[in-house]
Amino acid sequence: MSSTDNTRTSAQQPVGTLRSWLGEADRVLVAAGAGLSAAAGFDYGDAERFKELLPALHRLGLRSRYLLGVPLPADMMWGYWAVHINDIRHGPGPNTLYRRLRSLVGDRDHWVMTSNVDALFARNGFAADHVFSPQGDYGRLQCTVPCTRETWPSKPYFDRILAVYDRESGRVTDRAALPRCPRCGAAAFPNVRVGPEFVDDAYLPAGQRLGSWLDRAPADSRLLVLEIGAGFNTPGVIRKPMENLVRHTPRARLVRVNPDHPDVPADLGDRALSVPFGAGPFLEALAPWQP
């Protein structure tokens, strides 16, 4: 039996518990971190995929998509952003893993909270107005000052960059294509949380609606928090808030799916289920999906 088969067999063990908890739940909150998108094929640390997408940067000795703070010239940095974001945010077609997750949730009353900025939930069957992404969205750009709270769709900018991008050198050959704020002329940047200049206005209403959804729950309702791939890179965004939510919500339960950090707080007792496996084999066992 292969290691993959062993993983799938082992992943079957908590399947029965989760199915039972899903059947008893009135509401489901899906909470996702980077591990879910990595399992779906968008692993920022995948050196082979990095080499395939960005060969010029690979020749410089870079090996992952985590390039914030790397001192690249603007024409190379925007070449990276355009290729990376076009791949993870604007790529066509459904994603099987996210579709499996959507199938698992079914017609239950649900919300999503995610630290991911790739919009894979909304692109794979989840209602966009029920997805809270407090870290932003690669689908938009903002002013770096910022001189305005307005943001702009990123795809037209990246389409212009890719039209003048030289794959072999990793450079944008026409600097006029580099995005700038249309109001003040300052440099633009993806509308994601990297510092105090982050413009989060577009995401706050979803957070408020999610809070209202949680507050409106009847006292006897059962909330299931299904947390997938949330580790310790940004534990204050998903992991810790989900623990606290379950801790302070009577009859709520937490399922934590994480191959590296599956531990659940001891004080949650039998209201928490640790699933020490990757999202792929676990969701495959739970929710078959045919395209």
Protein backbone atom coordinates (compact mmCIF):
# COMPACT_ATOMS: atom_id res chain seq x y z
CA MET A 1 0.00 0.00 0.00
CA SER A 2 1.40 3.42 -0.95
CA SER A 3 1.87 6.27 1.53
CA THR A 4 -1.00 8.10 -0.18
CA ASP A 5 -3.27 5.09 0.34
CA ASN A 6 -2.17 4.90 3.97
CA THR A 7 -3.01 8.56 4.45
CA ARG A 8 -6.43 8.12 2.88
CA THR A 9 -7.14 5.08 5.04
CA SER A 10 -6.09 6.92 8.20
CA ALA A 11 -8.11 9.98 7.19
CA GLN A 12 -11.23 7.82 7.22
CA GLN A 13 -11.07 7.56 11.02
CA PRO A 14 -12.48 11.04 11.88
CA VAL A 15 -14.82 11.03 8.88
CA GLY A 16 -17.65 9.43 10.84
CA THR A 17 -17.42 12.02 13.61
CA LEU A 18 -17.45 14.93 11.20
CA ARG A 19 -20.38 13.49 9.27
CA SER A 20 -22.29 13.14 12.52
CA TRP A 21 -21.46 16.68 13.60
CA LEU A 22 -22.45 18.04 10.21
CA GLY A 23 -25.77 16.25 10.45
CA GLU A 24 -26.43 17.84 13.84
CA ALA A 25 -25.29 21.36 12.88
CA ASP A 26 -27.71 24.19 12.16
CA ARG A 27 -24.93 26.45 10.88
CA VAL A 28 -21.45 25.93 9.44
CA LEU A 29 -18.57 28.39 9.49
CA VAL A 30 -15.73 27.36 7.17
CA ALA A 31 -12.47 28.96 8.35
CA ALA A 32 -9.51 28.55 6.03
CA GLY A 33 -5.83 29.40 5.96
CA ALA A 34 -3.04 29.04 3.44
CA GLY A 35 -2.92 25.27 3.90
CA LEU A 36 -6.20 24.85 2.06
CA SER A 37 -5.03 26.65 -1.07
CA ALA A 38 -1.68 24.86 -0.86
CA ALA A 39 -3.54 21.54 -0.87
CA ALA A 40 -5.58 22.81 -3.81
CA GLY A 41 -2.40 23.24 -5.87
CA PHE A 42 -1.27 26.74 -4.94
CA ASP A 43 1.61 26.10 -2.56
CA TYR A 44 3.71 29.25 -2.26
CA GLY A 45 6.67 27.15 -1.15
CA ASP A 46 6.57 24.79 -4.15
CA ALA A 47 10.04 25.31 -5.67
CA GLU A 48 9.29 23.31 -8.84
CA ARG A 49 6.16 25.33 -9.60
CA PHE A 50 8.11 28.52 -8.88
CA LYS A 51 10.78 27.46 -11.38
CA GLU A 52 8.11 26.67 -13.98
CA LEU A 53 6.34 30.01 -13.58
CA LEU A 54 9.32 32.32 -12.94
CA PRO A 55 12.50 30.82 -14.42
CA ALA A 56 14.44 34.10 -14.36
CA LEU A 57 13.89 34.54 -10.63
CA HIS A 58 14.76 30.90 -10.06
CA ARG A 59 18.11 31.50 -11.79
CA LEU A 60 18.73 34.32 -9.31
CA GLY A 61 18.48 31.78 -6.49
CA LEU A 62 14.90 32.44 -5.39
CA ARG A 63 12.81 29.38 -4.63
CA SER A 64 9.36 30.40 -3.38
CA ARG A 65 6.62 32.92 -3.98
CA TYR A 66 7.22 34.60 -0.63
CA LEU A 67 9.02 37.61 -2.10
CA LEU A 68 7.83 40.48 0.09
CA GLY A 69 10.95 42.34 1.19
CA VAL A 70 13.18 40.86 -1.52
CA PRO A 71 15.06 43.81 -3.12
CA LEU A 72 14.02 43.30 -6.72
CA PRO A 73 13.82 46.22 -9.17
CA ALA A 74 10.27 47.38 -9.92
CA ASP A 75 10.17 45.88 -13.41
CA MET A 76 11.06 42.42 -12.05
CA MET A 77 8.82 42.70 -8.99
CA TRP A 78 5.80 43.58 -11.11
CA GLY A 79 6.66 40.74 -13.49
CA TYR A 80 6.52 38.45 -10.46
CA TRP A 81 3.24 39.91 -9.20
CA ALA A 82 1.60 39.63 -12.62
CA VAL A 83 2.63 36.00 -13.17
CA HIS A 84 1.92 34.92 -9.60
CA ILE A 85 -1.46 36.62 -9.28
CA ASN A 86 -2.57 35.63 -12.77
CA ASP A 87 -1.87 32.02 -11.81
CA ILE A 88 -3.50 31.96 -8.38
CA ARG A 89 -6.26 34.58 -8.69
CA HIS A 90 -7.28 34.90 -12.33
CA GLY A 91 -6.75 31.35 -13.59
CA PRO A 92 -9.74 29.80 -15.37
CA GLY A 93 -11.64 26.66 -14.49
CA PRO A 94 -12.91 25.09 -11.27
CA ASN A 95 -10.74 23.76 -8.48
CA THR A 96 -11.61 20.21 -7.44
CA LEU A 97 -10.66 20.57 -3.77
CA TYR A 98 -12.74 23.70 -3.25
CA ARG A 99 -15.63 22.11 -5.12
CA ARG A 100 -15.43 19.12 -2.79
CA LEU A 101 -15.65 21.49 0.16
CA ARG A 102 -18.64 23.25 -1.35
CA SER A 103 -20.32 19.89 -1.88
CA LEU A 104 -19.64 18.95 1.74
CA VAL A 105 -21.31 22.11 3.08
CA GLY A 106 -24.31 21.53 0.83
CA ASP A 107 -27.43 23.60 1.50
CA ARG A 108 -26.63 24.24 5.16
CA ASP A 109 -26.72 27.83 6.42
CA HIS A 110 -23.07 28.82 6.22
CA TRP A 111 -20.39 31.49 6.07
CA VAL A 112 -16.70 31.50 5.15
CA MET A 113 -13.84 33.34 6.84
CA THR A 114 -10.43 33.05 5.20
CA SER A 115 -6.99 34.57 5.40
CA ASN A 116 -6.45 33.62 1.75
CA VAL A 117 -6.52 36.39 -0.85
CA ASP A 118 -7.13 34.24 -3.93
CA ALA A 119 -10.98 34.32 -4.02
CA LEU A 120 -11.03 30.54 -4.57
CA PHE A 121 -14.15 30.21 -2.43
CA ALA A 122 -16.22 32.64 -4.51
CA ARG A 123 -14.80 31.14 -7.71
CA ASN A 124 -15.90 27.63 -6.73
CA GLY A 125 -19.52 27.88 -5.75
CA PHE A 126 -19.54 29.76 -2.44
CA ALA A 127 -21.64 32.92 -2.39
CA ALA A 128 -19.26 35.90 -2.57
CA ASP A 129 -21.40 37.92 -0.16
CA HIS A 130 -20.95 35.20 2.48
CA VAL A 131 -17.14 35.18 2.34
CA PHE A 132 -15.14 37.38 4.72
CA SER A 133 -11.50 37.84 3.63
CA PRO A 134 -9.95 40.28 6.13
CA GLN A 135 -6.49 40.02 4.55
CA GLY A 136 -7.67 41.43 1.21
CA ASP A 137 -7.94 40.21 -2.36
CA TYR A 138 -5.39 39.85 -5.15
CA GLY A 139 -8.22 40.84 -7.46
CA ARG A 140 -7.79 44.53 -6.55
CA LEU A 141 -5.03 47.16 -6.39
CA GLN A 142 -4.72 50.17 -4.11
CA CYS A 143 -2.63 53.32 -3.76
CA THR A 144 0.44 52.79 -1.55
CA VAL A 145 0.11 56.21 0.14
CA PRO A 146 -2.91 55.73 0.23
CA CYS A 147 -4.39 58.96 -1.06
CA THR A 148 -7.84 57.36 -1.45
CA ARG A 149 -9.90 54.54 0.02
CA GLU A 150 -10.85 53.51 -3.50
CA THR A 151 -9.41 50.30 -4.99
CA TRP A 152 -9.33 49.04 -8.59
CA PRO A 153 -9.70 45.67 -10.34
CA SER A 154 -6.23 44.22 -10.82
CA LYS A 155 -6.79 42.09 -13.92
CA PRO A 156 -6.68 44.91 -16.51
CA TYR A 157 -3.38 46.10 -15.02
CA PHE A 158 -1.87 42.63 -15.01
CA ASP A 159 -3.05 41.94 -18.54
CA ARG A 160 -1.11 45.03 -19.67
CA ILE A 161 1.96 43.91 -17.73
CA LEU A 162 1.88 40.37 -19.13
CA ALA A 163 1.63 41.74 -22.66
CA VAL A 164 5.09 43.35 -22.21
CA TYR A 165 6.63 40.80 -19.84
CA ASP A 166 9.79 38.99 -20.93
CA ARG A 167 9.81 35.54 -19.36
CA GLU A 168 13.52 34.92 -19.94
CA SER A 169 14.70 38.09 -18.20
CA GLY A 170 11.82 38.26 -15.76
CA ARG A 171 11.38 41.94 -16.59
CA VAL A 172 8.52 44.14 -17.75
CA THR A 173 9.92 45.68 -20.92
CA ASP A 174 7.73 48.81 -20.90
CA ARG A 175 7.82 50.62 -17.56
CA ALA A 176 4.74 52.58 -18.58
CA ALA A 177 2.79 49.40 -17.82
CA LEU A 178 3.79 49.44 -14.14
CA PRO A 179 0.65 50.26 -12.10
CA ARG A 180 0.34 53.67 -10.50
CA CYS A 181 -2.46 55.33 -8.56
CA PRO A 182 -4.75 57.07 -11.07
CA ARG A 183 -5.40 59.85 -8.53
CA CYS A 184 -1.98 60.89 -7.19
CA GLY A 185 0.48 58.96 -9.38
CA ALA A 186 2.08 57.07 -6.48
CA ALA A 187 2.96 53.41 -6.88
CA ALA A 188 0.05 50.98 -6.69
CA PHE A 189 0.13 47.63 -4.86
CA PRO A 190 -2.11 44.57 -4.51
CA ASN A 191 -4.92 45.28 -2.06
CA VAL A 192 -3.69 42.86 0.60
CA ARG A 193 -2.67 43.38 4.22
CA VAL A 194 1.08 43.94 4.47
CA GLY A 195 1.18 47.09 6.62
CA PRO A 196 -0.82 50.01 8.02
CA GLU A 197 -1.46 51.40 4.56
CA PHE A 198 -3.79 48.48 3.75
CA VAL A 199 -7.21 49.72 2.59
CA ASP A 200 -9.71 47.29 4.09
CA ASP A 201 -12.94 49.21 3.46
CA ALA A 202 -14.26 46.73 0.89
CA TYR A 203 -14.00 43.81 3.33
CA LEU A 204 -15.42 45.31 6.52
CA PRO A 205 -19.12 44.99 5.53
CA ALA A 206 -18.73 41.22 5.11
CA GLY A 207 -17.12 41.02 8.54
CA GLN A 208 -20.04 42.93 10.03
CA ARG A 209 -22.55 40.64 8.32
CA LEU A 210 -20.70 37.59 9.59
CA GLY A 211 -20.79 39.02 13.12
CA SER A 212 -24.54 39.62 12.82
CA TRP A 213 -25.05 36.09 11.51
CA LEU A 214 -23.27 34.69 14.55
CA ASP A 215 -25.11 36.99 16.98
CA ARG A 216 -28.54 36.12 15.57
CA ALA A 217 -28.15 32.40 16.18
CA PRO A 218 -30.83 30.99 18.52
CA ALA A 219 -29.51 29.92 21.91
CA ASP A 220 -30.16 26.24 21.16
CA SER A 221 -28.58 26.20 17.69
CA ARG A 222 -25.48 24.16 16.89
CA LEU A 223 -22.59 25.86 15.10
CA LEU A 224 -19.90 23.75 13.45
CA VAL A 225 -16.61 25.54 12.79
CA LEU A 226 -14.69 23.67 10.10
CA GLU A 227 -11.16 25.08 10.16
CA ILE A 228 -8.79 23.93 7.41
CA GLY A 229 -5.12 24.74 6.89
CA ALA A 230 -4.78 27.54 9.45
CA GLY A 231 -1.38 27.37 11.12
CA PHE A 232 0.82 29.86 12.93
CA ASN A 233 1.87 32.29 10.19
CA THR A 234 -1.06 34.55 11.12
CA PRO A 235 -2.74 32.77 14.05
CA GLY A 236 -4.59 35.92 15.08
CA VAL A 237 -6.60 35.93 11.85
CA ILE A 238 -8.16 32.44 11.82
CA ARG A 239 -6.81 29.97 14.35
CA LYS A 240 -7.16 31.88 17.64
CA PRO A 241 -10.47 33.60 16.76
CA MET A 242 -12.03 30.24 15.88
CA GLU A 243 -10.93 28.73 19.20
CA ASN A 244 -12.37 31.71 21.08
CA LEU A 245 -15.60 31.62 19.08
CA VAL A 246 -16.23 27.98 19.97
CA ARG A 247 -15.09 28.55 23.55
CA HIS A 248 -17.71 31.27 24.06
CA THR A 249 -20.53 29.77 21.97
CA PRO A 250 -22.61 27.12 23.75
CA ARG A 251 -23.14 23.99 21.67
CA ALA A 252 -20.53 25.04 19.10
CA ARG A 253 -17.93 22.56 17.87
CA LEU A 254 -14.53 22.92 16.21
CA VAL A 255 -13.01 20.60 13.60
CA ARG A 256 -9.36 21.46 12.93
CA VAL A 257 -7.90 19.93 9.75
CA ASN A 258 -4.14 20.48 9.67
CA PRO A 259 -1.32 18.01 8.92
CA ASP A 260 1.30 20.02 10.84
CA HIS A 261 -0.56 21.80 13.64
CA PRO A 262 -3.73 19.81 14.42
CA ASP A 263 -3.76 20.36 18.19
CA VAL A 264 -6.98 21.66 19.71
CA PRO A 265 -7.37 23.45 23.08
CA ALA A 266 -7.84 21.04 25.95
CA ASP A 267 -10.54 23.20 27.51
CA LEU A 268 -12.83 22.54 24.54
CA GLY A 269 -12.97 18.88 25.54
CA ASP A 270 -15.21 16.75 23.34
CA ARG A 271 -16.39 19.81 21.42
CA ALA A 272 -13.19 19.81 19.35
CA LEU A 273 -11.93 17.29 16.80
CA SER A 274 -8.27 17.19 15.74
CA VAL A 275 -7.72 15.95 12.18
CA PRO A 276 -3.95 15.53 11.57
CA PHE A 277 -4.18 15.16 7.79
CA GLY A 278 -4.00 17.33 4.71
CA ALA A 279 -7.18 18.76 3.28
CA GLY A 280 -6.86 16.73 0.08
CA PRO A 281 -7.28 13.15 1.30
CA PHE A 282 -9.66 14.20 4.07
CA LEU A 283 -12.06 16.03 1.76
CA GLU A 284 -11.76 13.31 -0.84
CA ALA A 285 -12.98 10.81 1.74
CA LEU A 286 -15.83 13.12 2.78
CA ALA A 287 -17.07 14.71 -0.41
CA PRO A 288 -16.62 13.07 -3.81
CA TRP A 289 -17.05 15.59 -6.61
CA GLN A 290 -17.38 15.06 -10.35
CA PRO A 291 -16.70 17.99 -12.71
